Amino acid sequence: MILIAFSAAIALVSQVACLALKPEWKDGGIQVRDPEFTRDMIDKLIQDRSLQTQSFSQISGSKSDTTSDSKVAPDTSGQTNPEYLSQCQFDIMLHLTAFFENSDQKYEDTFRGCKPTSDDQGISSGVFEFTTCSGSAMQVCQEYQILAQGRTFCDEFIDNGSLLRATVQEERRCDAGKKDAFTPTGLENYCAEWTKAADDKLFRQAQLNVAKRSYYSKITQYIDQFKIKSPLTISQLYDTAIQLGPDSIPTITRNIEANSERDWLIQYLRNRIQYEDNDHFRETIPNRIPPIQRLVDSSVNPSLTDIQAQHNMAFSNDYVELVYDFQGEKVFPFKCQV
């Protein structure tokens, strides 16, 4: 059974080398980037079979405990990296972005979500909205096959070629995309199977592993470049990478001049609003960025004190609280998952 999963992964390497991690909207269509990611990462996973039995916290480079001094260091193919977040802070970062992606505060339920999209992306599913069009959904399936060491629900959709046909290839728009809720051919049962599989810890781990390698490991260069320390700022870089792609960060950070990290984050959030002010992202601005601005920017939240802002940026007491206006003003607490 192990050979089946590995054979399937190996057979697909040559086919999926052109898949994007997540598409970036530009004039004239979706542009594919990082074409060698899937080939490199699948090769690495096949060679390093110890990954099959590791927990997500081990794969992410954290220590085995979850105390406040346990740190998560990014995995960059064996290179030594500085430690950025405690495991708890890392969990809160994931939870925040999962909430923004799914509008669901119950973290466990975000792994189950699956639906056709109305923005040319085919089907969007999972904790960070992995899409069939971008190829990120296929990456989750490939990771799941490797971790499960046997048959999974993904096998049907990979074996019949429906996942591959639903992806962007050679910088063309997604063949399965329409401006309505559209299920790509051959994936009619995909969402039902994805939702059922979300009860499997290995499937949830596969989603987290792909999200980490595809996005978190790509923001560490900016953490170092701008000497960022606070968990809230790091979480905003991560959230940007998930929503807009890591390649958006150099544009958003351009011309930021600040005397403190709080000022830097305030300017970053304002720049991000300008970056997203287009037909594809404009509607997401009110529910994604202002709740973060309220945590640090007194011009948005006049009652905010400097001490409160410092606590918010640090996730003090392993906790942060959002005032969110998605369905009327509500307060949502975010803390470590138990």
Protein backbone atom coordinates (compact mmCIF):
# COMPACT_ATOMS: atom_id res chain seq x y z
CA MET A 1 0.00 0.00 0.00
CA ILE A 2 2.90 2.32 0.71
CA LEU A 3 4.18 1.71 -2.80
CA ILE A 4 0.83 2.73 -4.26
CA ALA A 5 0.95 6.19 -2.66
CA PHE A 6 4.57 6.77 -3.58
CA SER A 7 4.09 5.51 -7.11
CA ALA A 8 1.18 7.88 -7.60
CA ALA A 9 3.23 10.82 -6.30
CA ILE A 10 6.20 9.95 -8.49
CA ALA A 11 4.07 9.48 -11.59
CA LEU A 12 2.57 12.94 -11.17
CA VAL A 13 5.83 14.85 -10.61
CA SER A 14 6.43 15.48 -14.29
CA GLN A 15 2.81 16.55 -14.81
CA VAL A 16 2.43 18.99 -11.92
CA ALA A 17 5.75 20.84 -12.14
CA CYS A 18 3.95 23.79 -13.73
CA LEU A 19 1.30 24.24 -11.03
CA ALA A 20 1.04 27.47 -9.06
CA LEU A 21 0.91 27.64 -5.29
CA LYS A 22 -1.87 30.17 -5.41
CA PRO A 23 -2.72 32.37 -8.40
CA GLU A 24 -2.12 36.09 -8.40
CA TRP A 25 -4.60 38.34 -10.18
CA LYS A 26 -3.05 40.58 -12.80
CA ASP A 27 -4.36 42.26 -15.94
CA GLY A 28 -5.02 39.61 -18.54
CA GLY A 29 -5.49 36.68 -16.18
CA ILE A 30 -3.91 34.58 -13.49
CA GLN A 31 -0.15 34.42 -13.56
CA VAL A 32 1.53 31.18 -12.50
CA ARG A 33 4.58 31.42 -10.28
CA ASP A 34 6.98 29.09 -8.47
CA PRO A 35 6.67 26.39 -11.18
CA GLU A 36 9.29 24.12 -9.60
CA PHE A 37 7.77 24.04 -6.12
CA THR A 38 5.72 20.89 -6.55
CA ARG A 39 8.53 18.94 -8.17
CA ASP A 40 11.05 19.94 -5.50
CA MET A 41 8.77 19.35 -2.55
CA ILE A 42 7.40 16.01 -3.75
CA ASP A 43 10.96 14.81 -4.44
CA LYS A 44 11.99 15.90 -0.95
CA LEU A 45 9.03 14.17 0.67
CA ILE A 46 9.68 10.95 -1.21
CA GLN A 47 13.34 10.96 -0.20
CA ASP A 48 12.67 11.84 3.42
CA ARG A 49 10.24 9.12 4.43
CA SER A 50 10.55 10.05 8.08
CA LEU A 51 8.09 12.88 7.38
CA GLN A 52 5.34 10.27 7.16
CA THR A 53 5.29 9.70 10.90
CA GLN A 54 6.14 13.17 12.18
CA SER A 55 3.55 15.44 13.74
CA PHE A 56 2.91 18.86 12.29
CA SER A 57 4.73 20.53 15.17
CA GLN A 58 7.80 18.43 14.39
CA ILE A 59 7.61 19.18 10.68
CA SER A 60 7.28 22.89 11.39
CA GLY A 61 10.51 22.82 13.38
CA SER A 62 9.07 23.40 16.83
CA LYS A 63 10.14 21.70 20.02
CA SER A 64 7.97 18.89 21.28
CA ASP A 65 6.34 20.91 24.06
CA THR A 66 3.98 23.86 23.76
CA THR A 67 5.38 26.13 26.46
CA SER A 68 5.88 29.81 25.75
CA ASP A 69 9.57 29.36 24.95
CA SER A 70 8.93 26.63 22.39
CA LYS A 71 9.63 28.17 19.00
CA VAL A 72 8.59 27.44 15.45
CA ALA A 73 11.43 27.81 12.96
CA PRO A 74 10.70 27.51 9.24
CA ASP A 75 11.79 24.42 7.34
CA THR A 76 14.00 25.43 4.42
CA SER A 77 15.55 22.16 3.37
CA GLY A 78 17.81 21.74 6.36
CA GLN A 79 19.17 25.27 6.64
CA THR A 80 19.47 26.76 10.12
CA ASN A 81 16.96 29.57 10.72
CA PRO A 82 16.20 31.93 13.58
CA GLU A 83 13.21 31.12 15.75
CA TYR A 84 10.24 33.41 15.26
CA LEU A 85 7.11 32.24 17.09
CA SER A 86 6.14 30.06 20.00
CA GLN A 87 3.98 27.10 19.05
CA CYS A 88 0.99 28.86 20.64
CA GLN A 89 1.64 32.06 18.65
CA PHE A 90 1.99 29.99 15.50
CA ASP A 91 -1.38 28.35 16.20
CA ILE A 92 -3.05 31.73 16.74
CA MET A 93 -1.59 32.98 13.45
CA LEU A 94 -3.06 29.98 11.61
CA HIS A 95 -6.40 30.42 13.35
CA LEU A 96 -6.64 34.11 12.44
CA THR A 97 -6.04 33.51 8.75
CA ALA A 98 -8.34 30.47 8.70
CA PHE A 99 -11.03 32.70 10.20
CA PHE A 100 -10.56 35.37 7.55
CA GLU A 101 -10.53 32.76 4.79
CA ASN A 102 -13.64 30.94 5.99
CA SER A 103 -15.54 33.39 8.27
CA ASP A 104 -15.77 30.55 10.77
CA GLN A 105 -14.28 30.92 14.23
CA LYS A 106 -14.40 27.18 14.96
CA TYR A 107 -10.94 26.27 13.73
CA GLU A 108 -11.65 22.56 13.28
CA ASP A 109 -14.54 23.26 10.90
CA THR A 110 -12.36 25.28 8.54
CA PHE A 111 -10.61 22.08 7.44
CA ARG A 112 -13.95 20.71 6.17
CA GLY A 113 -15.11 23.58 3.99
CA CYS A 114 -15.44 22.86 0.27
CA LYS A 115 -17.43 24.68 -2.40
CA PRO A 116 -17.33 25.77 -6.05
CA THR A 117 -16.13 29.36 -6.43
CA SER A 118 -17.41 32.31 -8.44
CA ASP A 119 -13.97 33.73 -9.28
CA ASP A 120 -12.51 31.36 -11.88
CA GLN A 121 -10.91 29.12 -9.24
CA GLY A 122 -12.91 25.93 -9.70
CA ILE A 123 -13.38 24.43 -6.22
CA SER A 124 -12.05 26.06 -3.04
CA SER A 125 -11.56 23.83 -0.02
CA GLY A 126 -9.93 23.45 3.35
CA VAL A 127 -8.43 25.55 6.09
CA PHE A 128 -6.83 28.08 3.71
CA GLU A 129 -9.12 27.75 0.68
CA PHE A 130 -6.93 25.50 -1.45
CA THR A 131 -8.21 25.77 -5.02
CA THR A 132 -8.31 23.24 -7.82
CA CYS A 133 -7.43 25.94 -10.34
CA SER A 134 -4.19 26.98 -8.62
CA GLY A 135 -3.04 23.41 -8.05
CA SER A 136 -2.83 23.87 -4.28
CA ALA A 137 -5.71 21.39 -3.79
CA MET A 138 -3.71 18.80 -5.72
CA GLN A 139 -0.69 19.49 -3.51
CA VAL A 140 -2.82 18.75 -0.42
CA CYS A 141 -3.96 15.50 -2.00
CA GLN A 142 -0.39 14.49 -2.85
CA GLU A 143 0.72 15.26 0.71
CA TYR A 144 -2.20 13.25 2.09
CA GLN A 145 -1.29 10.24 -0.05
CA ILE A 146 2.25 10.29 1.30
CA LEU A 147 1.24 10.70 4.96
CA ALA A 148 -1.52 8.10 4.77
CA GLN A 149 0.78 5.45 3.23
CA GLY A 150 -2.20 3.95 1.43
CA ARG A 151 -5.45 4.65 -0.39
CA THR A 152 -7.20 7.99 0.16
CA PHE A 153 -10.22 9.70 -1.35
CA CYS A 154 -7.78 11.72 -3.47
CA ASP A 155 -6.69 8.69 -5.47
CA GLU A 156 -9.86 8.65 -7.59
CA PHE A 157 -9.50 12.29 -8.63
CA ILE A 158 -5.77 12.03 -9.29
CA ASP A 159 -6.01 8.70 -11.14
CA ASN A 160 -8.78 9.88 -13.48
CA GLY A 161 -6.92 13.12 -14.20
CA SER A 162 -9.76 15.40 -13.08
CA LEU A 163 -7.63 17.31 -10.54
CA LEU A 164 -4.91 17.90 -13.11
CA ARG A 165 -7.39 19.06 -15.75
CA ALA A 166 -8.85 21.56 -13.25
CA THR A 167 -5.54 23.40 -12.77
CA VAL A 168 -3.86 26.36 -14.36
CA GLN A 169 -1.23 25.11 -16.79
CA GLU A 170 1.42 26.97 -18.75
CA GLU A 171 0.19 30.36 -17.55
CA ARG A 172 -3.26 29.93 -19.06
CA ARG A 173 -6.42 30.77 -17.16
CA CYS A 174 -8.02 27.87 -15.41
CA ASP A 175 -9.78 25.73 -18.00
CA ALA A 176 -12.54 24.93 -15.49
CA GLY A 177 -13.26 28.55 -14.53
CA LYS A 178 -16.54 30.37 -15.05
CA LYS A 179 -18.04 33.45 -13.48
CA ASP A 180 -20.52 31.38 -11.51
CA ALA A 181 -20.44 28.53 -9.00
CA PHE A 182 -18.95 25.85 -11.21
CA THR A 183 -17.74 22.34 -10.45
CA PRO A 184 -14.99 21.11 -12.81
CA THR A 185 -15.80 17.97 -14.76
CA GLY A 186 -14.96 14.80 -12.86
CA LEU A 187 -15.00 16.50 -9.44
CA GLU A 188 -18.73 16.25 -8.76
CA ASN A 189 -18.16 14.14 -5.61
CA TYR A 190 -14.94 15.89 -4.59
CA CYS A 191 -16.44 18.20 -1.94
CA ALA A 192 -18.42 15.43 -0.26
CA GLU A 193 -15.28 13.28 -0.04
CA TRP A 194 -13.09 16.20 1.13
CA THR A 195 -15.51 17.01 3.95
CA LYS A 196 -15.62 13.40 5.14
CA ALA A 197 -11.81 13.11 5.02
CA ALA A 198 -11.44 16.17 7.29
CA ASP A 199 -12.13 13.92 10.27
CA ASP A 200 -8.76 12.27 9.60
CA LYS A 201 -5.92 13.93 11.52
CA LEU A 202 -3.51 13.06 8.72
CA PHE A 203 -5.65 14.95 6.21
CA ARG A 204 -5.75 18.02 8.45
CA GLN A 205 -2.00 17.72 8.88
CA ALA A 206 -1.55 17.52 5.11
CA GLN A 207 -3.41 20.82 4.73
CA LEU A 208 -1.21 22.50 7.36
CA ASN A 209 1.99 21.11 5.86
CA VAL A 210 1.20 22.46 2.40
CA ALA A 211 0.19 25.84 3.81
CA LYS A 212 3.41 26.07 5.80
CA ARG A 213 5.75 25.15 2.98
CA SER A 214 3.89 27.17 0.37
CA TYR A 215 3.46 30.34 2.38
CA TYR A 216 5.06 30.52 5.84
CA SER A 217 8.51 29.49 4.67
CA LYS A 218 8.31 32.17 1.99
CA ILE A 219 7.72 35.07 4.41
CA THR A 220 10.75 34.40 6.61
CA GLN A 221 12.99 36.44 4.31
CA TYR A 222 10.80 39.48 5.02
CA ILE A 223 10.78 38.79 8.76
CA ASP A 224 14.57 38.96 8.62
CA GLN A 225 14.77 41.85 6.15
CA PHE A 226 12.54 44.15 8.22
CA LYS A 227 13.70 42.79 11.61
CA ILE A 228 10.15 41.95 12.59
CA LYS A 229 9.61 40.63 16.10
CA SER A 230 5.93 40.75 17.00
CA PRO A 231 3.58 37.83 16.33
CA LEU A 232 0.84 40.14 15.02
CA THR A 233 3.12 41.60 12.33
CA ILE A 234 4.33 38.15 11.33
CA SER A 235 0.74 36.97 11.17
CA GLN A 236 -0.08 39.81 8.78
CA LEU A 237 2.75 38.83 6.46
CA TYR A 238 1.43 35.27 6.55
CA ASP A 239 -2.17 36.36 5.95
CA THR A 240 -1.02 38.45 2.99
CA ALA A 241 0.86 35.51 1.53
CA ILE A 242 -2.23 33.29 1.84
CA GLN A 243 -4.64 35.80 0.31
CA LEU A 244 -2.47 37.58 -2.26
CA GLY A 245 0.58 35.36 -2.66
CA PRO A 246 4.07 35.99 -1.23
CA ASP A 247 5.05 37.98 -4.31
CA SER A 248 2.72 40.80 -3.22
CA ILE A 249 4.77 41.62 -0.12
CA PRO A 250 7.63 43.56 -1.81
CA THR A 251 5.07 45.91 -3.38
CA ILE A 252 3.12 46.39 -0.14
CA THR A 253 6.30 47.07 1.87
CA ARG A 254 7.76 49.50 -0.66
CA ASN A 255 8.56 52.95 0.77
CA ILE A 256 7.60 52.13 4.35
CA GLU A 257 9.57 54.29 6.76
CA ALA A 258 8.91 53.83 10.45
CA ASN A 259 10.57 54.39 13.81
CA SER A 260 8.89 51.43 15.48
CA GLU A 261 7.40 48.12 14.50
CA ARG A 262 3.95 49.38 15.44
CA ASP A 263 4.32 52.30 13.01
CA TRP A 264 5.65 49.88 10.39
CA LEU A 265 2.60 47.63 10.77
CA ILE A 266 0.21 50.60 10.61
CA GLN A 267 1.76 51.69 7.31
CA TYR A 268 1.80 48.11 6.05
CA LEU A 269 -1.94 47.71 6.67
CA ARG A 270 -2.69 51.00 4.89
CA ASN A 271 -0.56 49.92 1.94
CA ARG A 272 -2.29 46.57 1.87
CA ILE A 273 -5.67 48.28 1.57
CA GLN A 274 -4.37 50.25 -1.42
CA TYR A 275 -2.96 47.08 -2.97
CA GLU A 276 -6.29 45.27 -2.62
CA ASP A 277 -8.35 48.17 -3.94
CA ASN A 278 -9.32 46.42 -7.18
CA ASP A 279 -12.28 44.45 -8.48
CA HIS A 280 -10.98 41.11 -7.25
CA PHE A 281 -10.20 41.96 -3.61
CA ARG A 282 -12.04 45.20 -2.76
CA GLU A 283 -15.00 43.46 -1.14
CA THR A 284 -12.72 41.59 1.29
CA ILE A 285 -11.07 44.74 2.71
CA PRO A 286 -13.72 45.70 5.33
CA ASN A 287 -13.74 42.28 6.96
CA ARG A 288 -10.06 41.44 6.79
CA ILE A 289 -7.91 44.52 7.45
CA PRO A 290 -9.84 46.95 9.72
CA PRO A 291 -10.13 44.36 12.54
CA ILE A 292 -6.32 44.21 12.59
CA GLN A 293 -6.00 47.99 12.33
CA ARG A 294 -8.16 48.33 15.45
CA LEU A 295 -5.50 46.40 17.36
CA VAL A 296 -2.65 48.83 16.58
CA ASP A 297 -3.88 52.04 14.90
CA SER A 298 -5.39 54.70 17.18
CA SER A 299 -6.63 56.63 14.14
CA VAL A 300 -8.96 53.68 13.46
CA ASN A 301 -9.60 52.87 17.13
CA PRO A 302 -9.46 56.13 19.16
CA SER A 303 -9.90 54.32 22.47
CA LEU A 304 -6.75 52.23 21.91
CA THR A 305 -3.93 52.87 24.37
CA ASP A 306 -0.25 52.29 23.70
CA ILE A 307 -0.18 49.51 26.29
CA GLN A 308 -3.14 47.77 24.67
CA ALA A 309 -1.46 48.00 21.27
CA GLN A 310 1.73 46.47 22.67
CA HIS A 311 -0.23 43.58 24.20
CA ASN A 312 -2.10 43.02 20.96
CA MET A 313 1.07 42.93 18.89
CA ALA A 314 2.69 40.46 21.29
CA PHE A 315 -0.32 38.14 21.63
CA SER A 316 0.13 38.73 25.36
CA ASN A 317 -1.03 35.85 27.55
CA ASP A 318 -1.27 33.80 24.33
CA TYR A 319 -4.42 35.67 23.38
CA VAL A 320 -5.72 38.31 20.98
CA GLU A 321 -9.24 39.63 20.52
CA LEU A 322 -10.83 40.94 17.31
CA VAL A 323 -13.82 43.23 16.90
CA TYR A 324 -15.26 41.98 13.65
CA ASP A 325 -18.07 43.39 11.52
CA PHE A 326 -18.82 40.46 9.23
CA GLN A 327 -22.37 40.07 10.55
CA GLY A 328 -22.69 43.02 12.85
CA GLU A 329 -20.09 44.03 15.40
CA LYS A 330 -18.92 41.03 17.39
CA VAL A 331 -15.94 40.28 19.60
CA PHE A 332 -13.98 37.16 18.74
CA PRO A 333 -11.23 35.84 21.02
CA PHE A 334 -8.33 33.89 19.56
CA LYS A 335 -6.16 31.73 21.79
CA CYS A 336 -4.19 28.51 21.64
CA GLN A 337 -6.03 25.44 20.47
CA VAL A 338 -6.56 22.88 23.24
